[in-house]
PDB file of N, CA and C in Angstrom:
ATOM      1  N   MET A   1      81.012  94.008  82.686  1.00  0.00           N
ATOM      2  CA  MET A   1      82.057  94.541  83.532  1.00  0.00           C
ATOM      3  C   MET A   1      83.118  93.458  83.760  1.00  0.00           C
ATOM      4  N   LYS A   2      84.364  93.865  83.792  1.00  0.00           N
ATOM      5  CA  LYS A   2      85.472  92.939  83.983  1.00  0.00           C
ATOM      6  C   LYS A   2      85.560  92.498  85.444  1.00  0.00           C
ATOM      7  N   LYS A   3      86.002  91.269  85.630  1.00  0.00           N
ATOM      8  CA  LYS A   3      86.185  90.732  86.973  1.00  0.00           C
ATOM      9  C   LYS A   3      87.617  90.972  87.401  1.00  0.00           C
ATOM     10  N   VAL A   4      87.789  91.780  88.453  1.00  0.00           N
ATOM     11  CA  VAL A   4      89.119  92.102  88.975  1.00  0.00           C
ATOM     12  C   VAL A   4      89.269  91.372  90.307  1.00  0.00           C
ATOM     13  N   VAL A   5      90.373  90.631  90.417  1.00  0.00           N
ATOM     14  CA  VAL A   5      90.678  89.887  91.647  1.00  0.00           C
ATOM     15  C   VAL A   5      92.079  90.268  92.078  1.00  0.00           C
ATOM     16  N   ILE A   6      92.217  90.575  93.363  1.00  0.00           N
ATOM     17  CA  ILE A   6      93.532  90.900  93.907  1.00  0.00           C
ATOM     18  C   ILE A   6      93.811  89.973  95.081  1.00  0.00           C
ATOM     19  N   TRP A   7      94.950  89.293  95.000  1.00  0.00           N
ATOM     20  CA  TRP A   7      95.411  88.392  96.055  1.00  0.00           C
ATOM     21  C   TRP A   7      96.303  89.200  96.989  1.00  0.00           C
ATOM     22  N   THR A   8      96.047  89.123  98.292  1.00  0.00           N
ATOM     23  CA  THR A   8      96.766  89.957  99.252  1.00  0.00           C
ATOM     24  C   THR A   8      97.150  89.187 100.513  1.00  0.00           C
ATOM     25  N   PHE A   9      98.101  89.794 101.243  1.00  0.00           N
ATOM     26  CA  PHE A   9      98.375  89.422 102.629  1.00  0.00           C
ATOM     27  C   PHE A   9      97.706  90.471 103.511  1.00  0.00           C
ATOM     28  N   LYS A  10      97.398  90.094 104.741  1.00  0.00           N
ATOM     29  CA  LYS A  10      96.682  90.991 105.656  1.00  0.00           C
ATOM     30  C   LYS A  10      97.462  92.268 105.971  1.00  0.00           C
ATOM     31  N   ARG A  11      98.710  92.152 106.333  1.00  0.00           N
ATOM     32  CA  ARG A  11      99.488  93.320 106.763  1.00  0.00           C
ATOM     33  C   ARG A  11     100.595  93.644 105.765  1.00  0.00           C
ATOM     34  N   CYS A  12     100.216  93.779 104.524  1.00  0.00           N
ATOM     35  CA  CYS A  12     101.188  94.042 103.464  1.00  0.00           C
ATOM     36  C   CYS A  12     100.997  95.479 102.954  1.00  0.00           C
ATOM     37  N   PRO A  13     102.001  96.337 103.114  1.00  0.00           N
ATOM     38  CA  PRO A  13     101.844  97.719 102.666  1.00  0.00           C
ATOM     39  C   PRO A  13     101.655  97.856 101.152  1.00  0.00           C
ATOM     40  N   PHE A  14     102.249  96.961 100.390  1.00  0.00           N
ATOM     41  CA  PHE A  14     102.079  97.027  98.938  1.00  0.00           C
ATOM     42  C   PHE A  14     100.668  96.603  98.536  1.00  0.00           C
ATOM     43  N   CYS A  15     100.120  95.651  99.269  1.00  0.00           N
ATOM     44  CA  CYS A  15      98.732  95.235  99.033  1.00  0.00           C
ATOM     45  C   CYS A  15      97.783  96.387  99.316  1.00  0.00           C
ATOM     46  N   VAL A  16      98.033  97.089 100.412  1.00  0.00           N
ATOM     47  CA  VAL A  16      97.202  98.252 100.762  1.00  0.00           C
ATOM     48  C   VAL A  16      97.289  99.310  99.674  1.00  0.00           C
ATOM     49  N   LYS A  17      98.500  99.585  99.174  1.00  0.00           N
ATOM     50  CA  LYS A  17      98.655 100.590  98.114  1.00  0.00           C
ATOM     51  C   LYS A  17      97.893 100.209  96.856  1.00  0.00           C
ATOM     52  N   SER A  18      97.941  98.938  96.490  1.00  0.00           N
ATOM     53  CA  SER A  18      97.222  98.493  95.292  1.00  0.00           C
ATOM     54  C   SER A  18      95.713  98.654  95.473  1.00  0.00           C
ATOM     55  N   LYS A  19      95.214  98.295  96.641  1.00  0.00           N
ATOM     56  CA  LYS A  19      93.773  98.426  96.895  1.00  0.00           C
ATOM     57  C   LYS A  19      93.358  99.899  96.918  1.00  0.00           C
ATOM     58  N   ILE A  20      94.199 100.759  97.451  1.00  0.00           N
ATOM     59  CA  ILE A  20      93.901 102.193  97.444  1.00  0.00           C
ATOM     60  C   ILE A  20      93.799 102.696  96.005  1.00  0.00           C
ATOM     61  N   LEU A  21      94.724 102.276  95.158  1.00  0.00           N
ATOM     62  CA  LEU A  21      94.692 102.683  93.758  1.00  0.00           C
ATOM     63  C   LEU A  21      93.398 102.208  93.085  1.00  0.00           C
ATOM     64  N   LEU A  22      93.046 100.957  93.299  1.00  0.00           N
ATOM     65  CA  LEU A  22      91.803 100.428  92.709  1.00  0.00           C
ATOM     66  C   LEU A  22      90.594 101.207  93.236  1.00  0.00           C
ATOM     67  N   ASP A  23      90.587 101.507  94.528  1.00  0.00           N
ATOM     68  CA  ASP A  23      89.487 102.286  95.105  1.00  0.00           C
ATOM     69  C   ASP A  23      89.408 103.676  94.488  1.00  0.00           C
ATOM     70  N   GLN A  24      90.561 104.324  94.296  1.00  0.00           N
ATOM     71  CA  GLN A  24      90.577 105.658  93.693  1.00  0.00           C
ATOM     72  C   GLN A  24      90.032 105.649  92.278  1.00  0.00           C
ATOM     73  N   LEU A  25      90.199 104.531  91.590  1.00  0.00           N
ATOM     74  CA  LEU A  25      89.701 104.409  90.223  1.00  0.00           C
ATOM     75  C   LEU A  25      88.261 103.882  90.188  1.00  0.00           C
ATOM     76  N   ASN A  26      87.677 103.707  91.377  1.00  0.00           N
ATOM     77  CA  ASN A  26      86.305 103.192  91.500  1.00  0.00           C
ATOM     78  C   ASN A  26      86.134 101.839  90.822  1.00  0.00           C
ATOM     79  N   VAL A  27      87.128 100.989  90.990  1.00  0.00           N
ATOM     80  CA  VAL A  27      87.105  99.656  90.414  1.00  0.00           C
ATOM     81  C   VAL A  27      86.603  98.684  91.476  1.00  0.00           C
ATOM     82  N   GLU A  28      85.573  97.940  91.140  1.00  0.00           N
ATOM     83  CA  GLU A  28      85.102  96.886  92.034  1.00  0.00           C
ATOM     84  C   GLU A  28      86.020  95.683  91.882  1.00  0.00           C
ATOM     85  N   TYR A  29      86.402  95.112  92.995  1.00  0.00           N
ATOM     86  CA  TYR A  29      87.316  93.972  92.950  1.00  0.00           C
ATOM     87  C   TYR A  29      86.996  92.992  94.062  1.00  0.00           C
ATOM     88  N   GLU A  30      87.410  91.768  93.827  1.00  0.00           N
ATOM     89  CA  GLU A  30      87.330  90.736  94.855  1.00  0.00           C
ATOM     90  C   GLU A  30      88.717  90.603  95.454  1.00  0.00           C
ATOM     91  N   GLU A  31      88.796  90.665  96.765  1.00  0.00           N
ATOM     92  CA  GLU A  31      90.071  90.475  97.448  1.00  0.00           C
ATOM     93  C   GLU A  31      90.130  89.067  98.013  1.00  0.00           C
ATOM     94  N   ILE A  32      91.213  88.377  97.705  1.00  0.00           N
ATOM     95  CA  ILE A  32      91.459  87.067  98.293  1.00  0.00           C
ATOM     96  C   ILE A  32      92.673  87.218  99.190  1.00  0.00           C
ATOM     97  N   GLN A  33      92.408  87.254 100.484  1.00  0.00           N
ATOM     98  CA  GLN A  33      93.462  87.458 101.465  1.00  0.00           C
ATOM     99  C   GLN A  33      93.926  86.090 101.962  1.00  0.00           C
ATOM    100  N   ILE A  34      95.215  85.845 101.852  1.00  0.00           N
ATOM    101  CA  ILE A  34      95.719  84.543 102.284  1.00  0.00           C
ATOM    102  C   ILE A  34      96.749  84.736 103.399  1.00  0.00           C
ATOM    103  N   PRO A  35      96.845  83.765 104.289  1.00  0.00           N
ATOM    104  CA  PRO A  35      97.851  83.851 105.335  1.00  0.00           C
ATOM    105  C   PRO A  35      99.242  83.617 104.771  1.00  0.00           C
ATOM    106  N   PHE A  36     100.226  84.239 105.393  1.00  0.00           N
ATOM    107  CA  PHE A  36     101.612  84.045 104.963  1.00  0.00           C
ATOM    108  C   PHE A  36     101.946  82.559 105.054  1.00  0.00           C
ATOM    109  N   GLY A  37     102.589  82.043 104.024  1.00  0.00           N
ATOM    110  CA  GLY A  37     102.977  80.636 103.998  1.00  0.00           C
ATOM    111  C   GLY A  37     101.918  79.716 103.420  1.00  0.00           C
ATOM    112  N   ASP A  38     100.788  80.268 103.038  1.00  0.00           N
ATOM    113  CA  ASP A  38      99.696  79.462 102.463  1.00  0.00           C
ATOM    114  C   ASP A  38     100.155  78.792 101.168  1.00  0.00           C
ATOM    115  N   LYS A  39      99.782  77.550 100.969  1.00  0.00           N
ATOM    116  CA  LYS A  39     100.218  76.811  99.777  1.00  0.00           C
ATOM    117  C   LYS A  39      99.700  77.426  98.482  1.00  0.00           C
ATOM    118  N   ARG A  40      98.643  78.233  98.563  1.00  0.00           N
ATOM    119  CA  ARG A  40      98.133  78.885  97.346  1.00  0.00           C
ATOM    120  C   ARG A  40      99.140  79.876  96.768  1.00  0.00           C
ATOM    121  N   LEU A  41     100.042  80.376  97.599  1.00  0.00           N
ATOM    122  CA  LEU A  41     101.084  81.279  97.099  1.00  0.00           C
ATOM    123  C   LEU A  41     101.982  80.535  96.121  1.00  0.00           C
ATOM    124  N   ASN A  42     102.272  79.275  96.407  1.00  0.00           N
ATOM    125  CA  ASN A  42     103.068  78.459  95.473  1.00  0.00           C
ATOM    126  C   ASN A  42     102.313  78.241  94.179  1.00  0.00           C
ATOM    127  N   GLU A  43     101.009  78.016  94.264  1.00  0.00           N
ATOM    128  CA  GLU A  43     100.191  77.845  93.069  1.00  0.00           C
ATOM    129  C   GLU A  43     100.177  79.121  92.216  1.00  0.00           C
ATOM    130  N   LEU A  44     100.090  80.264  92.882  1.00  0.00           N
ATOM    131  CA  LEU A  44     100.141  81.534  92.158  1.00  0.00           C
ATOM    132  C   LEU A  44     101.498  81.727  91.487  1.00  0.00           C
ATOM    133  N   ALA A  45     102.555  81.357  92.176  1.00  0.00           N
ATOM    134  CA  ALA A  45     103.913  81.503  91.624  1.00  0.00           C
ATOM    135  C   ALA A  45     104.066  80.666  90.355  1.00  0.00           C
ATOM    136  N   LEU A  46     103.495  79.475  90.353  1.00  0.00           N
ATOM    137  CA  LEU A  46     103.558  78.630  89.155  1.00  0.00           C
ATOM    138  C   LEU A  46     102.789  79.272  87.993  1.00  0.00           C
ATOM    139  N   LYS A  47     101.696  79.922  88.323  1.00  0.00           N
ATOM    140  CA  LYS A  47     100.838  80.531  87.299  1.00  0.00           C
ATOM    141  C   LYS A  47     101.413  81.846  86.775  1.00  0.00           C
ATOM    142  N   THR A  48     102.050  82.623  87.667  1.00  0.00           N
ATOM    143  CA  THR A  48     102.462  83.984  87.306  1.00  0.00           C
ATOM    144  C   THR A  48     103.969  84.189  87.228  1.00  0.00           C
ATOM    145  N   GLY A  49     104.731  83.300  87.868  1.00  0.00           N
ATOM    146  CA  GLY A  49     106.166  83.512  87.951  1.00  0.00           C
ATOM    147  C   GLY A  49     106.548  84.512  89.028  1.00  0.00           C
ATOM    148  N   CYS A  50     105.592  84.917  89.825  1.00  0.00           N
ATOM    149  CA  CYS A  50     105.809  85.924  90.878  1.00  0.00           C
ATOM    150  C   CYS A  50     105.515  85.298  92.235  1.00  0.00           C
ATOM    151  N   THR A  51     106.405  85.498  93.199  1.00  0.00           N
ATOM    152  CA  THR A  51     106.235  84.907  94.525  1.00  0.00           C
ATOM    153  C   THR A  51     105.820  85.903  95.588  1.00  0.00           C
ATOM    154  N   THR A  52     105.522  87.126  95.199  1.00  0.00           N
ATOM    155  CA  THR A  52     105.129  88.141  96.163  1.00  0.00           C
ATOM    156  C   THR A  52     103.671  88.539  95.942  1.00  0.00           C
ATOM    157  N   LEU A  53     103.112  89.203  96.931  1.00  0.00           N
ATOM    158  CA  LEU A  53     101.770  89.757  96.816  1.00  0.00           C
ATOM    159  C   LEU A  53     101.864  91.253  96.989  1.00  0.00           C
ATOM    160  N   PRO A  54     100.929  91.989  96.426  1.00  0.00           N
ATOM    161  CA  PRO A  54      99.699  91.573  95.795  1.00  0.00           C
ATOM    162  C   PRO A  54      99.912  91.079  94.378  1.00  0.00           C
ATOM    163  N   GLN A  55      98.946  90.319  93.915  1.00  0.00           N
ATOM    164  CA  GLN A  55      98.887  89.906  92.522  1.00  0.00           C
ATOM    165  C   GLN A  55      97.474  90.204  92.034  1.00  0.00           C
ATOM    166  N   THR A  56      97.387  90.880  90.898  1.00  0.00           N
ATOM    167  CA  THR A  56      96.102  91.316  90.383  1.00  0.00           C
ATOM    168  C   THR A  56      95.801  90.618  89.067  1.00  0.00           C
ATOM    169  N   PHE A  57      94.562  90.178  88.947  1.00  0.00           N
ATOM    170  CA  PHE A  57      94.069  89.505  87.753  1.00  0.00           C
ATOM    171  C   PHE A  57      92.829  90.226  87.233  1.00  0.00           C
ATOM    172  N   VAL A  58      92.687  90.300  85.911  1.00  0.00           N
ATOM    173  CA  VAL A  58      91.489  90.827  85.289  1.00  0.00           C
ATOM    174  C   VAL A  58      90.970  89.763  84.343  1.00  0.00           C
ATOM    175  N   ASN A  59      89.740  89.328  84.595  1.00  0.00           N
ATOM    176  CA  ASN A  59      89.146  88.223  83.814  1.00  0.00           C
ATOM    177  C   ASN A  59      90.095  87.029  83.737  1.00  0.00           C
ATOM    178  N   ASP A  60      90.672  86.677  84.886  1.00  0.00           N
ATOM    179  CA  ASP A  60      91.586  85.541  85.044  1.00  0.00           C
ATOM    180  C   ASP A  60      92.933  85.723  84.332  1.00  0.00           C
ATOM    181  N   GLU A  61      93.225  86.892  83.805  1.00  0.00           N
ATOM    182  CA  GLU A  61      94.519  87.172  83.181  1.00  0.00           C
ATOM    183  C   GLU A  61      95.381  87.945  84.165  1.00  0.00           C
ATOM    184  N   TYR A  62      96.598  87.478  84.376  1.00  0.00           N
ATOM    185  CA  TYR A  62      97.507  88.122  85.309  1.00  0.00           C
ATOM    186  C   TYR A  62      97.927  89.483  84.789  1.00  0.00           C
ATOM    187  N   ILE A  63      97.717  90.512  85.607  1.00  0.00           N
ATOM    188  CA  ILE A  63      98.096  91.888  85.240  1.00  0.00           C
ATOM    189  C   ILE A  63      99.439  92.253  85.862  1.00  0.00           C
ATOM    190  N   GLY A  64      99.604  91.919  87.144  1.00  0.00           N
ATOM    191  CA  GLY A  64     100.892  92.212  87.759  1.00  0.00           C
ATOM    192  C   GLY A  64     100.798  92.488  89.235  1.00  0.00           C
ATOM    193  N   ASP A  65     101.934  92.923  89.779  1.00  0.00           N
ATOM    194  CA  ASP A  65     102.030  93.250  91.193  1.00  0.00           C
ATOM    195  C   ASP A  65     101.778  94.729  91.400  1.00  0.00           C
ATOM    196  N   ASN A  66     102.045  95.224  92.594  1.00  0.00           N
ATOM    197  CA  ASN A  66     101.820  96.629  92.911  1.00  0.00           C
ATOM    198  C   ASN A  66     102.585  97.558  91.987  1.00  0.00           C
ATOM    199  N   SER A  67     103.854  97.275  91.773  1.00  0.00           N
ATOM    200  CA  SER A  67     104.672  98.126  90.901  1.00  0.00           C
ATOM    201  C   SER A  67     104.098  98.203  89.491  1.00  0.00           C
ATOM    202  N   ARG A  68     103.652  97.068  88.996  1.00  0.00           N
ATOM    203  CA  ARG A  68     103.103  97.030  87.638  1.00  0.00           C
ATOM    204  C   ARG A  68     101.804  97.837  87.543  1.00  0.00           C
ATOM    205  N   LEU A  69     100.967  97.762  88.573  1.00  0.00           N
ATOM    206  CA  LEU A  69      99.736  98.565  88.552  1.00  0.00           C
ATOM    207  C   LEU A  69     100.065 100.049  88.454  1.00  0.00           C
ATOM    208  N   TYR A  70     101.038 100.491  89.239  1.00  0.00           N
ATOM    209  CA  TYR A  70     101.400 101.912  89.212  1.00  0.00           C
ATOM    210  C   TYR A  70     102.085 102.294  87.902  1.00  0.00           C
ATOM    211  N   GLU A  71     102.832 101.392  87.305  1.00  0.00           N
ATOM    212  CA  GLU A  71     103.415 101.652  85.977  1.00  0.00           C
ATOM    213  C   GLU A  71     102.317 101.835  84.935  1.00  0.00           C
ATOM    214  N   LEU A  72     101.324 100.957  84.965  1.00  0.00           N
ATOM    215  CA  LEU A  72     100.217 101.052  84.018  1.00  0.00           C
ATOM    216  C   LEU A  72      99.415 102.334  84.247  1.00  0.00           C
ATOM    217  N   GLN A  73      99.304 102.729  85.516  1.00  0.00           N
ATOM    218  CA  GLN A  73      98.606 103.989  85.828  1.00  0.00           C
ATOM    219  C   GLN A  73      99.381 105.178  85.264  1.00  0.00           C
ATOM    220  N   ALA A  74     100.703 105.165  85.420  1.00  0.00           N
ATOM    221  CA  ALA A  74     101.545 106.251  84.913  1.00  0.00           C
ATOM    222  C   ALA A  74     101.485 106.327  83.385  1.00  0.00           C
ATOM    223  N   GLU A  75     101.341 105.180  82.737  1.00  0.00           N
ATOM    224  CA  GLU A  75     101.231 105.132  81.269  1.00  0.00           C
ATOM    225  C   GLU A  75      99.838 105.532  80.775  1.00  0.00           C
ATOM    226  N   GLY A  76      98.890 105.659  81.721  1.00  0.00           N
ATOM    227  CA  GLY A  76      97.541 106.063  81.363  1.00  0.00           C
ATOM    228  C   GLY A  76      96.669 104.947  80.808  1.00  0.00           C
ATOM    229  N   VAL A  77      97.029 103.691  81.029  1.00  0.00           N
ATOM    230  CA  VAL A  77      96.268 102.576  80.463  1.00  0.00           C
ATOM    231  C   VAL A  77      95.591 101.692  81.514  1.00  0.00           C
ATOM    232  N   LEU A  78      95.882 101.903  82.774  1.00  0.00           N
ATOM    233  CA  LEU A  78      95.363 101.006  83.806  1.00  0.00           C
ATOM    234  C   LEU A  78      93.836 101.001  83.828  1.00  0.00           C
ATOM    235  N   GLU A  79      93.237 102.154  83.781  1.00  0.00           N
ATOM    236  CA  GLU A  79      91.779 102.230  83.870  1.00  0.00           C
ATOM    237  C   GLU A  79      91.106 101.466  82.754  1.00  0.00           C
ATOM    238  N   SER A  80      91.639 101.561  81.552  1.00  0.00           N
ATOM    239  CA  SER A  80      91.022 100.836  80.423  1.00  0.00           C
ATOM    240  C   SER A  80      91.214  99.321  80.554  1.00  0.00           C
ATOM    241  N   ILE A  81      92.279  98.897  81.206  1.00  0.00           N
ATOM    242  CA  ILE A  81      92.507  97.473  81.432  1.00  0.00           C
ATOM    243  C   ILE A  81      91.521  96.945  82.469  1.00  0.00           C
ATOM    244  N   LEU A  82      91.251  97.742  83.488  1.00  0.00           N
ATOM    245  CA  LEU A  82      90.430  97.291  84.604  1.00  0.00           C
ATOM    246  C   LEU A  82      88.943  97.407  84.366  1.00  0.00           C
ATOM    247  N   LYS A  83      88.535  98.316  83.507  1.00  0.00           N
ATOM    248  CA  LYS A  83      87.082  98.546  83.331  1.00  0.00           C
ATOM    249  C   LYS A  83      86.574  98.052  82.011  1.00  0.00           C
TER     250      LYS A  83
END
């Protein structure tokens, strides 16, 4: 099974939407919730080029943010990427 990790903020509506989508697809994931301003956000930005959350990884490969997850879902490929 693939390892899915989602980095989130506590009160982020886009983070909630991404987690709801993963839950609807019955995908098990690890959530790493960080406080706003945490230095790990800078580390993620260097790795992904993205400074916002959520950020989703599958087997340590960056998949994308909330918008990208929904794009992949609309294309019908998200489930195969995650499972």
